[in-house]
Amino acid sequence: MKFEKLILSSPDLTFLESELAHYILDHRNEVIQQDLQTLSQSSYTSRSTILRLCKKLGYRGFNELKIQLAKESLEDTNHNASFDVNYPFLAQDPPLEIARKIQTLYQTTIQDTLACLAEQDLLRAAHLLHEAKVIDIYTHAHNTSIAQSFQDKMMTIRHMVNLPLSFYSQRLCALASDPSHVALCLSYSGKASFLGPILKKLKEKKVPVILISKVGPYSSARNTDIHLSLSDNEQLRDRISQYASHMAMQYVIDVLYGCIYNLDRIQNQQILKDSIDFMDDRSI
């Protein structure tokens, strides 16, 4: 939900909080560049009031609110784009026109998703996964191929990764996990039916959870330790295919792997060099 709609749909805001919310809305391009202290000074509002407003609107903190503002700013910039994310090409388009339009769709999706990402959350997620004894990935449907690719990359640099795919194996994996594990959940909507019971069990077992889903203050995101946000321009059902959501998810997973790789870059370069002949025995 857009920031302006959140304000309008939050009747429990105090007068001061409502004034602050409208100040942020009117100065959003400046607020995106500010830290908490700077906004406090420019809006003549206490830091505690800002954080209280964030919480009432469903954000975990000021940083998450800024991500939403940045995303909306980019959406407005691209409002007059000549394509529909959900139906990016027309019935009469020849093959190369389809290719050009999907190229534009991918570029826009990546730009939009980049605007949703917070560097601090990426670093926290990378360190959590890097230090985990075992990484358990929970996902389903078309995100499975993205998860498998991430599993391959991580295991190549010697990180143990589980990818249970069935309803039964996912729940067994959650039961067998402990605080030495880290759970990585992939769900574009953040509302997939498999998520709720899994998140509840992981919380009981004190397993750190990283969720990658579209931007927004969803209940599942609030039940996780880190939420990495995706562009949310694609409809969940009214679409040709998962073009934008698949690209956004793949992009964030690749960025996350890059962050993890760089934590031990020299060591990882040597690991890949030492393992290439075993993993690829072609005569090239």
Protein backbone atom coordinates (compact mmCIF):
# COMPACT_ATOMS: atom_id res chain seq x y z
CA MET A 1 0.00 0.00 0.00
CA LYS A 2 1.30 3.46 -0.90
CA PHE A 3 2.46 5.76 1.89
CA GLU A 4 -0.33 8.28 1.29
CA LYS A 5 -2.97 5.53 1.47
CA LEU A 6 -1.42 4.21 4.67
CA ILE A 7 -1.85 7.64 6.25
CA LEU A 8 -5.46 7.86 5.16
CA SER A 9 -6.23 4.35 6.42
CA SER A 10 -4.65 4.83 9.86
CA PRO A 11 -7.29 6.51 12.04
CA ASP A 12 -5.32 6.05 15.27
CA LEU A 13 -2.64 8.61 14.38
CA THR A 14 -2.34 11.47 16.83
CA PHE A 15 -2.44 15.06 15.55
CA LEU A 16 1.36 15.32 15.83
CA GLU A 17 1.89 12.00 14.03
CA SER A 18 -0.52 13.02 11.27
CA GLU A 19 1.31 16.33 10.82
CA LEU A 20 4.62 14.49 10.63
CA ALA A 21 3.25 11.99 8.10
CA HIS A 22 2.06 14.78 5.81
CA TYR A 23 5.41 16.56 6.19
CA ILE A 24 7.18 13.38 5.05
CA LEU A 25 4.75 13.03 2.14
CA ASP A 26 5.32 16.64 1.03
CA HIS A 27 9.13 16.37 1.33
CA ARG A 28 9.66 12.74 0.42
CA ASN A 29 12.58 13.33 -1.99
CA GLU A 30 14.48 15.10 0.77
CA VAL A 31 13.45 12.59 3.45
CA ILE A 32 14.83 9.69 1.37
CA GLN A 33 18.30 11.23 1.77
CA GLN A 34 17.97 11.97 5.49
CA ASP A 35 18.81 10.01 8.60
CA LEU A 36 16.59 9.90 11.66
CA GLN A 37 18.30 12.83 13.38
CA THR A 38 18.15 15.06 10.29
CA LEU A 39 14.42 14.41 9.81
CA SER A 40 13.85 15.12 13.50
CA GLN A 41 15.51 18.50 13.11
CA SER A 42 13.92 19.47 9.78
CA SER A 43 10.40 18.50 10.89
CA TYR A 44 10.77 19.84 14.45
CA THR A 45 9.69 16.43 15.73
CA SER A 46 11.27 14.09 18.25
CA ARG A 47 12.96 10.88 17.15
CA SER A 48 10.54 8.88 19.30
CA THR A 49 7.56 10.39 17.44
CA ILE A 50 9.10 9.41 14.09
CA LEU A 51 9.69 5.85 15.24
CA ARG A 52 6.19 5.64 16.73
CA LEU A 53 4.70 6.77 13.40
CA CYS A 54 6.75 4.14 11.55
CA LYS A 55 5.44 1.44 13.87
CA LYS A 56 1.80 2.55 13.55
CA LEU A 57 2.07 2.49 9.75
CA GLY A 58 3.45 -1.06 9.84
CA TYR A 59 7.15 -0.37 9.25
CA ARG A 60 9.84 -1.84 11.47
CA GLY A 61 11.80 1.39 11.44
CA PHE A 62 12.62 4.63 9.63
CA ASN A 63 14.86 2.84 7.14
CA GLU A 64 11.99 0.66 5.93
CA LEU A 65 9.78 3.74 5.53
CA LYS A 66 12.48 5.38 3.38
CA ILE A 67 12.62 2.27 1.17
CA GLN A 68 8.91 2.64 0.51
CA LEU A 69 9.30 6.34 -0.31
CA ALA A 70 12.16 5.62 -2.73
CA LYS A 71 10.12 2.95 -4.45
CA GLU A 72 7.13 5.25 -4.88
CA SER A 73 9.37 8.02 -6.22
CA LEU A 74 10.70 5.67 -8.90
CA GLU A 75 7.17 4.52 -9.71
CA ASP A 76 6.12 8.12 -10.33
CA THR A 77 9.14 8.66 -12.56
CA ASN A 78 8.18 5.64 -14.65
CA HIS A 79 4.44 6.33 -14.56
CA ASN A 80 4.30 7.28 -18.20
CA ALA A 81 6.29 4.29 -19.41
CA SER A 82 4.96 2.79 -22.63
CA PHE A 83 4.48 -0.73 -21.32
CA ASP A 84 2.41 -2.61 -18.80
CA VAL A 85 4.44 -4.74 -16.36
CA ASN A 86 1.75 -7.41 -16.37
CA TYR A 87 1.20 -7.34 -20.15
CA PRO A 88 4.51 -5.99 -21.46
CA PHE A 89 3.90 -6.81 -25.16
CA LEU A 90 0.94 -6.73 -27.51
CA ALA A 91 -0.64 -9.45 -29.62
CA GLN A 92 0.58 -7.83 -32.85
CA ASP A 93 4.19 -7.31 -31.70
CA PRO A 94 6.84 -9.07 -33.84
CA PRO A 95 9.55 -11.11 -32.07
CA LEU A 96 12.18 -8.37 -31.84
CA GLU A 97 9.64 -5.89 -30.46
CA ILE A 98 8.73 -8.44 -27.78
CA ALA A 99 12.46 -8.78 -27.05
CA ARG A 100 12.88 -5.00 -26.70
CA LYS A 101 9.87 -4.64 -24.44
CA ILE A 102 10.97 -7.46 -22.13
CA GLN A 103 14.42 -5.86 -22.00
CA THR A 104 12.79 -2.61 -20.84
CA LEU A 105 10.69 -4.54 -18.32
CA TYR A 106 13.79 -6.21 -16.85
CA GLN A 107 15.72 -2.95 -16.65
CA THR A 108 12.86 -1.14 -14.95
CA THR A 109 12.28 -4.02 -12.52
CA ILE A 110 15.93 -4.08 -11.48
CA GLN A 111 16.01 -0.30 -11.01
CA ASP A 112 12.83 -0.46 -8.95
CA THR A 113 14.12 -3.33 -6.81
CA LEU A 114 17.45 -1.57 -6.25
CA ALA A 115 15.49 1.40 -4.87
CA CYS A 116 13.79 -0.98 -2.41
CA LEU A 117 17.02 -2.46 -1.01
CA ALA A 118 18.69 -1.22 2.16
CA GLU A 119 22.46 -1.67 2.39
CA GLN A 120 22.33 -2.37 6.13
CA ASP A 121 19.82 -5.19 5.65
CA LEU A 122 21.89 -6.71 2.83
CA LEU A 123 25.00 -6.70 5.02
CA ARG A 124 23.14 -8.19 7.99
CA ALA A 125 21.67 -10.91 5.80
CA ALA A 126 25.04 -11.69 4.22
CA HIS A 127 26.73 -12.02 7.62
CA LEU A 128 23.92 -14.20 9.00
CA LEU A 129 24.13 -16.59 6.05
CA HIS A 130 27.93 -16.55 6.07
CA GLU A 131 28.08 -17.54 9.74
CA ALA A 132 25.27 -20.12 9.64
CA LYS A 133 26.15 -23.75 10.21
CA VAL A 134 23.32 -24.68 7.83
CA ILE A 135 21.14 -22.58 5.52
CA ASP A 136 17.59 -23.82 4.95
CA ILE A 137 15.69 -22.37 1.99
CA TYR A 138 11.90 -22.38 2.09
CA THR A 139 10.07 -21.63 -1.15
CA HIS A 140 7.84 -23.22 -3.78
CA ALA A 141 6.67 -23.09 -7.41
CA HIS A 142 8.72 -21.03 -9.88
CA ASN A 143 11.04 -19.65 -7.18
CA THR A 144 12.46 -23.16 -6.79
CA SER A 145 14.80 -22.74 -9.76
CA ILE A 146 16.19 -19.51 -8.27
CA ALA A 147 16.67 -21.25 -4.91
CA GLN A 148 18.47 -24.17 -6.58
CA SER A 149 20.84 -21.80 -8.33
CA PHE A 150 21.64 -20.09 -5.03
CA GLN A 151 22.13 -23.48 -3.37
CA ASP A 152 24.64 -24.46 -6.07
CA LYS A 153 26.60 -21.22 -5.73
CA MET A 154 26.74 -21.41 -1.94
CA MET A 155 27.75 -25.06 -1.81
CA THR A 156 30.50 -24.36 -4.34
CA ILE A 157 32.08 -22.02 -1.76
CA ARG A 158 31.51 -24.62 1.00
CA HIS A 159 28.30 -23.51 2.70
CA MET A 160 25.80 -26.22 3.58
CA VAL A 161 22.38 -25.46 2.09
CA ASN A 162 19.16 -27.46 2.39
CA LEU A 163 16.33 -26.97 -0.08
CA PRO A 164 13.30 -29.03 1.02
CA LEU A 165 10.65 -28.85 -1.67
CA SER A 166 7.65 -30.84 -0.49
CA PHE A 167 5.15 -29.77 2.18
CA TYR A 168 6.32 -32.71 4.31
CA SER A 169 10.08 -32.15 3.91
CA GLN A 170 9.78 -28.42 4.61
CA ARG A 171 8.07 -29.09 7.93
CA LEU A 172 10.59 -31.80 8.82
CA CYS A 173 13.40 -29.35 8.07
CA ALA A 174 11.82 -26.73 10.33
CA LEU A 175 11.48 -29.29 13.12
CA ALA A 176 15.13 -30.33 12.75
CA SER A 177 16.51 -26.77 12.73
CA ASP A 178 18.06 -24.90 15.65
CA PRO A 179 19.66 -21.48 16.26
CA SER A 180 22.80 -22.55 14.35
CA HIS A 181 20.65 -22.63 11.19
CA VAL A 182 19.44 -19.63 9.20
CA ALA A 183 16.18 -19.82 7.23
CA LEU A 184 15.92 -18.05 3.87
CA CYS A 185 12.30 -17.70 2.70
CA LEU A 186 11.45 -16.74 -0.88
CA SER A 187 7.89 -15.59 -1.59
CA TYR A 188 7.08 -12.71 -3.93
CA SER A 189 3.72 -12.02 -2.26
CA GLY A 190 4.98 -12.67 1.27
CA LYS A 191 1.64 -14.36 1.82
CA ALA A 192 2.22 -17.88 0.48
CA SER A 193 0.22 -20.46 2.41
CA PHE A 194 3.28 -22.51 3.34
CA LEU A 195 4.93 -19.55 5.10
CA GLY A 196 2.77 -19.07 8.19
CA PRO A 197 3.27 -22.45 9.89
CA ILE A 198 6.96 -22.51 8.94
CA LEU A 199 7.63 -19.04 10.37
CA LYS A 200 5.77 -19.89 13.55
CA LYS A 201 7.83 -23.04 14.09
CA LEU A 202 11.11 -21.29 13.28
CA LYS A 203 10.30 -18.57 15.80
CA GLU A 204 9.63 -21.22 18.46
CA LYS A 205 13.03 -22.76 17.72
CA LYS A 206 14.79 -19.36 17.69
CA VAL A 207 16.00 -19.75 14.11
CA PRO A 208 16.97 -16.45 12.41
CA VAL A 209 14.79 -15.81 9.35
CA ILE A 210 15.47 -13.78 6.20
CA LEU A 211 12.47 -13.13 3.97
CA ILE A 212 12.71 -11.97 0.37
CA SER A 213 9.34 -10.65 -0.80
CA LYS A 214 7.77 -7.59 -2.39
CA VAL A 215 8.03 -4.33 -0.52
CA GLY A 216 5.36 -3.57 2.06
CA PRO A 217 4.52 -3.90 5.75
CA TYR A 218 3.12 -7.45 5.53
CA SER A 219 2.51 -9.57 8.62
CA SER A 220 4.93 -12.27 7.48
CA ALA A 221 7.70 -9.66 7.10
CA ARG A 222 7.13 -8.49 10.68
CA ASN A 223 7.64 -12.08 11.86
CA THR A 224 11.13 -12.26 10.35
CA ASP A 225 14.53 -10.90 11.36
CA ILE A 226 15.43 -9.34 8.01
CA HIS A 227 13.16 -8.42 5.09
CA LEU A 228 14.82 -7.87 1.71
CA SER A 229 12.30 -6.07 -0.47
CA LEU A 230 11.42 -6.53 -4.15
CA SER A 231 9.63 -4.34 -6.65
CA ASP A 232 5.89 -4.92 -6.27
CA ASN A 233 4.59 -3.64 -9.62
CA GLU A 234 3.47 -7.05 -10.87
CA GLN A 235 -0.04 -8.32 -10.14
CA LEU A 236 -0.31 -11.70 -8.44
CA ARG A 237 -2.82 -13.14 -10.92
CA ASP A 238 -3.62 -10.75 -13.76
CA ARG A 239 -0.43 -11.16 -15.82
CA ILE A 240 1.05 -13.04 -18.77
CA SER A 241 3.73 -14.65 -16.61
CA GLN A 242 6.01 -13.96 -13.63
CA TYR A 243 8.37 -11.84 -15.72
CA ALA A 244 8.94 -9.00 -13.25
CA SER A 245 8.68 -10.96 -10.00
CA HIS A 246 11.07 -13.66 -11.26
CA MET A 247 13.63 -11.06 -12.38
CA ALA A 248 13.36 -9.16 -9.10
CA MET A 249 13.83 -12.32 -7.02
CA GLN A 250 16.76 -13.51 -9.14
CA TYR A 251 18.40 -10.09 -8.89
CA VAL A 252 18.21 -9.92 -5.08
CA ILE A 253 19.45 -13.51 -4.70
CA ASP A 254 22.42 -12.75 -6.98
CA VAL A 255 23.18 -9.55 -5.05
CA LEU A 256 23.00 -11.46 -1.77
CA TYR A 257 25.39 -14.14 -3.05
CA GLY A 258 27.78 -11.40 -4.22
CA CYS A 259 27.76 -9.86 -0.73
CA ILE A 260 28.49 -13.25 0.87
CA TYR A 261 31.23 -14.04 -1.66
CA ASN A 262 32.99 -10.76 -0.91
CA LEU A 263 33.18 -11.51 2.83
CA ASP A 264 35.86 -14.12 2.00
CA ARG A 265 36.75 -13.10 -1.53
CA ILE A 266 40.36 -14.32 -1.65
CA GLN A 267 39.51 -17.63 0.02
CA ASN A 268 36.51 -18.15 -2.25
CA GLN A 269 38.55 -17.45 -5.35
CA GLN A 270 40.97 -20.18 -4.28
CA ILE A 271 38.13 -22.62 -3.47
CA LEU A 272 36.65 -22.15 -6.94
CA LYS A 273 40.06 -22.54 -8.56
CA ASP A 274 40.80 -25.75 -6.63
CA SER A 275 37.41 -27.31 -7.37
CA ILE A 276 36.96 -26.50 -11.05
CA ASP A 277 38.64 -29.63 -12.42
CA PHE A 278 36.53 -31.89 -10.16
CA MET A 279 33.26 -30.09 -10.90
CA ASP A 280 33.86 -29.71 -14.65
CA ASP A 281 35.72 -32.64 -16.20
CA ARG A 282 35.24 -31.59 -19.82
CA SER A 283 38.32 -31.44 -22.03
CA ILE A 284 38.31 -27.77 -23.01
